[in-house]
Amino acid sequence: MVAQIKKITKILIILALLTIPLVNYGCSPASVLATGGGSAMVVAEGERSFGTVIDDATIKVNIAAKFLNAENNLFVNINTSVLEGRVLLTGLVDTQEIRIDAVRLVWEAEGVREVINEIEIGNRATLKDYASDLWINTQARAVAAKTVGIKAITFNFETIQGKIYIAGISTRRDLLDEMVFALKNIKGVNEIVNYVIIKEKS
């Protein structure tokens, strides 16, 4: 049941990515960036170019297609976040061979510049475990919104067995540090893995 929920969610995300209203980009304060997991990530205008956002969305869709055609439920079990050609992989798989195969498939996607492999070997088979990680993820977004305000939309959170992975772009290291500190106080969190890119203000 958990696998079916995750698969349906991911398919809906990919469909949404394929129907992004590109003509409205200039009028909108934010643009959509391709990510895995339960939601798309929004990136504040001015921190990324429109072309880069589209490139990342294309990479995301190409990886999703490869995972769909692969065996071992890669599409269901692995989440991807794409930032400027950097691909962060998170999730749980049964064996090291599956983990390696996922990375191989990602490198086959055109435009990939770096792969950060945080796929873990293990099992999250119960709905209770999945619900716990989902609850932590929801709390993480709420904490981020409280800590950094509107800038919270520039971060993506994935939680695997109580470990929160953060991806995104920020120009404020101080706010990022404050947010990470707050995330550590969420019940059930045992580790924070930070892959946020710090960029100098132009």
Foldseek 3Di string as FASTA:
>chain_A
DLLVVQLVQQVVLLVCLVPFPVVCVVVDQWGWADWGDRDTFIAGPPQDDPVQRNLRSQLNNQLLVLQVPDPQNSNRFWIWGGDQLEIEIEGEGADPVVQVVSVVSSVVRPSRDYYHRHYYYDDDDDPVQVVVQVVLQVVLLVLLCVQPNPNSSQWDWGGDQQEIEIEGEDQDPVSVVRSVVSSVPDPSHDYYHYHYHHDHDD
